[in-house]
């Protein structure tokens, strides 16, 4: 039975609120008197969000950005009686472009024994956290601030071998560092010869032409890069020096 004129509560079409001319471009009117986004508008908004995210990613990783120039120095691990060791160092970016330290890891003996390696943005550590490295900036990884936590090595004293670690950056790739237990000056030539020249994208002796030895001499490998079979050491030339100063290492004389 159809409702009588007195029972019909549906307002006449002229009385139903409608969006204005401009709003009508984005909304449509439903029969229940409400408004809903037009489907093309929702699709456009979704595409806009995707494009914005892509632009942000491109800006942060674009090869057109000036390069970063990263150097890790004064790495060390305070002696500890617990199973968690803190790793501190100075990270310098002398380049005109930014970078981000995204993760950390371990290799060689440290990697074989460590149960976890965590990049912490604060102390106490709240879990894995990337760290932005602005251009032409120096960031101190130390007590009360950003640092690395290595678990599973047990108590560490100054006689322990240096920790062999890797730092992975979003733009600069991976850097390898040696972090001695004690202070940065606890790193010695034997550590370098045992674990390789760290501070570059690949571990190994690399270019040591600018390396200054602990006795105050600069060692320059021979052109062939091979040691005579009789001595087991590469022939070198020596010039006066002031101490070892290599990426990832800062050693005074007399070590």
Foldseek 3Di string as FASTA:
>chain_A
DDDDPVPDPQDPPVPQDDDDPVVVVFWDADSVSDIDGDPVNVVVVVVVVVVVVVVVVCVQAPPPFWDWDKFKEWWAWEFDQFQKIKIWIKIFTAIQAKKKFQFKAFDDPLRVFWPDKAWAAFPVRPTHDMDIGGHGDMDTCDPGGTIMMTGGPHTDDQVDQWTWMWTQMPHQGIWIATYGYDTLQSDAPVSCVVFAATGHNDGHPPAQQPFAHQQQWRWHFDPVNACPPVPRDGDTDTDGGAAGDDGNGDHGHDD
